[in-house]
C-alpha atoms as a PDB file:
ATOM      1  CA  MET A   1      14.099   2.743   4.742  1.00  0.00           C
ATOM      2  CA  SER A   2      16.376   4.040   2.076  1.00  0.00           C
ATOM      3  CA  SER A   3      15.410   5.016  -1.525  1.00  0.00           C
ATOM      4  CA  VAL A   4      16.292   3.083  -4.414  1.00  0.00           C
ATOM      5  CA  SER A   5      15.743   3.507  -8.086  1.00  0.00           C
ATOM      6  CA  CYS A   6      12.743   1.941  -9.717  1.00  0.00           C
ATOM      7  CA  ALA A   7      14.556   0.839 -12.466  1.00  0.00           C
ATOM      8  CA  THR A   8      17.901  -0.851 -10.373  1.00  0.00           C
ATOM      9  CA  ALA A   9      15.707  -2.026  -7.209  1.00  0.00           C
ATOM     10  CA  PRO A  10      17.594  -5.631  -6.386  1.00  0.00           C
ATOM     11  CA  LYS A  11      15.356  -8.656  -6.849  1.00  0.00           C
ATOM     12  CA  THR A  12      15.040 -10.598  -3.664  1.00  0.00           C
ATOM     13  CA  ARG A  13      13.340 -13.910  -4.402  1.00  0.00           C
ATOM     14  CA  GLY A  14      10.597 -15.212  -1.922  1.00  0.00           C
ATOM     15  CA  SER A  15       9.974 -11.680  -0.193  1.00  0.00           C
ATOM     16  CA  VAL A  16       7.635  -8.925  -0.686  1.00  0.00           C
ATOM     17  CA  SER A  17       9.669  -6.682   1.553  1.00  0.00           C
ATOM     18  CA  ILE A  18      11.430  -4.734  -1.385  1.00  0.00           C
ATOM     19  CA  THR A  19       7.814  -3.582  -2.495  1.00  0.00           C
ATOM     20  CA  ARG A  20       8.033  -1.198   0.316  1.00  0.00           C
ATOM     21  CA  LEU A  21      11.277   0.220  -0.502  1.00  0.00           C
ATOM     22  CA  PRO A  22      10.517   3.940  -1.583  1.00  0.00           C
ATOM     23  CA  CYS A  23      11.343   4.902  -5.181  1.00  0.00           C
ATOM     24  CA  ALA A  24      13.863   7.512  -5.427  1.00  0.00           C
ATOM     25  CA  ILE A  25      12.152   9.939  -7.733  1.00  0.00           C
ATOM     26  CA  ALA A  26       8.572   9.018  -6.359  1.00  0.00           C
ATOM     27  CA  PRO A  27       8.686   8.448  -2.360  1.00  0.00           C
ATOM     28  CA  PHE A  28       5.321   7.497  -2.317  1.00  0.00           C
ATOM     29  CA  TYR A  29       5.733   4.399  -4.554  1.00  0.00           C
ATOM     30  CA  GLY A  30       7.260   1.076  -3.885  1.00  0.00           C
ATOM     31  CA  ARG A  31       8.223  -1.542  -6.673  1.00  0.00           C
ATOM     32  CA  LEU A  32       4.620  -2.136  -8.159  1.00  0.00           C
ATOM     33  CA  THR A  33       3.089  -0.687  -5.252  1.00  0.00           C
ATOM     34  CA  TRP A  34       1.808   2.322  -3.414  1.00  0.00           C
ATOM     35  CA  LEU A  35       3.011   3.136   0.258  1.00  0.00           C
ATOM     36  CA  ASN A  36       1.349   4.895   2.901  1.00  0.00           C
ATOM     37  CA  ARG A  37       4.378   6.105   4.548  1.00  0.00           C
ATOM     38  CA  ASP A  38       2.769   9.078   6.273  1.00  0.00           C
ATOM     39  CA  GLY A  39      -0.552   7.588   6.754  1.00  0.00           C
ATOM     40  CA  LYS A  40      -2.294  10.283   4.488  1.00  0.00           C
ATOM     41  CA  GLN A  41      -2.536   8.160   0.731  1.00  0.00           C
ATOM     42  CA  PHE A  42      -4.700   5.396   2.627  1.00  0.00           C
ATOM     43  CA  PRO A  43      -6.015   6.684   5.961  1.00  0.00           C
ATOM     44  CA  GLY A  44      -6.853   3.833   8.068  1.00  0.00           C
ATOM     45  CA  ALA A  45      -4.109   1.223   6.766  1.00  0.00           C
ATOM     46  CA  SER A  46      -0.404   1.643   8.696  1.00  0.00           C
ATOM     47  CA  ALA A  47       2.546   3.545   7.777  1.00  0.00           C
ATOM     48  CA  ARG A  48       4.218  -0.236   6.710  1.00  0.00           C
ATOM     49  CA  ALA A  49       1.007  -1.267   4.423  1.00  0.00           C
ATOM     50  CA  VAL A  50       1.268  -1.435   0.674  1.00  0.00           C
ATOM     51  CA  VAL A  51      -1.706  -1.687  -1.697  1.00  0.00           C
ATOM     52  CA  MET A  52      -1.851  -2.347  -5.633  1.00  0.00           C
ATOM     53  CA  GLN A  53      -4.668  -0.737  -7.400  1.00  0.00           C
ATOM     54  CA  GLY A  54      -5.705  -2.362 -10.383  1.00  0.00           C
ATOM     55  CA  ALA A  55      -8.363  -1.291 -13.298  1.00  0.00           C
ATOM     56  CA  GLY A  56     -11.757  -0.495 -12.276  1.00  0.00           C
ATOM     57  CA  ASP A  57     -10.500   0.597  -9.068  1.00  0.00           C
ATOM     58  CA  HIS A  58      -9.707  -3.004  -7.798  1.00  0.00           C
ATOM     59  CA  TYR A  59      -7.514  -2.751  -4.339  1.00  0.00           C
ATOM     60  CA  THR A  60      -5.448  -5.364  -2.616  1.00  0.00           C
ATOM     61  CA  TRP A  61      -4.228  -3.944   0.833  1.00  0.00           C
ATOM     62  CA  ILE A  62      -1.348  -5.523   2.225  1.00  0.00           C
ATOM     63  CA  ASP A  63      -0.497  -4.538   5.988  1.00  0.00           C
ATOM     64  CA  PRO A  64       1.552  -6.248   8.365  1.00  0.00           C
ATOM     65  CA  GLU A  65       0.794  -4.416  11.555  1.00  0.00           C
ATOM     66  CA  LEU A  66      -2.828  -5.025  11.166  1.00  0.00           C
ATOM     67  CA  ASP A  67      -1.995  -8.394  10.038  1.00  0.00           C
ATOM     68  CA  ALA A  68      -4.412  -8.392   7.001  1.00  0.00           C
ATOM     69  CA  VAL A  69      -4.607  -8.639   3.259  1.00  0.00           C
ATOM     70  CA  VAL A  70      -8.179  -6.602   2.102  1.00  0.00           C
ATOM     71  CA  VAL A  71      -9.553  -7.006  -1.281  1.00  0.00           C
ATOM     72  CA  LEU A  72     -11.660  -4.333  -2.519  1.00  0.00           C
ATOM     73  CA  ARG A  73     -13.371  -4.409  -5.750  1.00  0.00           C
ATOM     74  CA  TRP A  74     -15.189  -2.109  -8.132  1.00  0.00           C
ATOM     75  CA  LEU A  75     -14.496   0.764  -5.330  1.00  0.00           C
ATOM     76  CA  ASP A  76     -15.748   4.366  -6.275  1.00  0.00           C
ATOM     77  CA  PRO A  77     -12.810   6.589  -6.135  1.00  0.00           C
ATOM     78  CA  ALA A  78     -14.857   9.428  -3.912  1.00  0.00           C
ATOM     79  CA  HIS A  79     -15.119   6.838  -1.331  1.00  0.00           C
ATOM     80  CA  THR A  80     -11.622   5.347  -1.426  1.00  0.00           C
ATOM     81  CA  LYS A  81     -10.317   7.101   2.025  1.00  0.00           C
ATOM     82  CA  ALA A  82     -13.248   6.916   3.393  1.00  0.00           C
ATOM     83  CA  THR A  83     -13.590   3.116   3.031  1.00  0.00           C
ATOM     84  CA  PHE A  84      -9.860   2.449   4.111  1.00  0.00           C
ATOM     85  CA  ALA A  85     -10.336   4.447   7.123  1.00  0.00           C
ATOM     86  CA  ARG A  86     -13.204   2.427   7.912  1.00  0.00           C
ATOM     87  CA  PHE A  87     -11.934  -0.941   7.410  1.00  0.00           C
ATOM     88  CA  GLY A  88      -8.633   0.127   9.640  1.00  0.00           C
ATOM     89  CA  ALA A  89     -10.725   0.975  12.243  1.00  0.00           C
ATOM     90  CA  ALA A  90     -12.917  -2.196  12.015  1.00  0.00           C
ATOM     91  CA  LEU A  91      -9.331  -4.237  12.052  1.00  0.00           C
ATOM     92  CA  ARG A  92      -8.015  -2.298  15.078  1.00  0.00           C
ATOM     93  CA  GLY A  93     -11.353  -3.225  16.865  1.00  0.00           C
END
């Protein structure tokens, strides 16, 4: 995927694919989403996954390769990577 400026990324109506385009100045960040392109940010999630993080450490993980949307609430930051890894393993069977 090519990088785009966060401010000038094209708007695509009805599609979330734009969220997976990395920002030119921060390749780990898409359009309002965290990316997992190298698999290190969110172990267990695929490289195509996007993750939204909100206040109180709430996460919404959208993973097309696992055919899953996972919502986690009040996740202790010390356990984020391990929790994503466990969910990823469970989704893979």
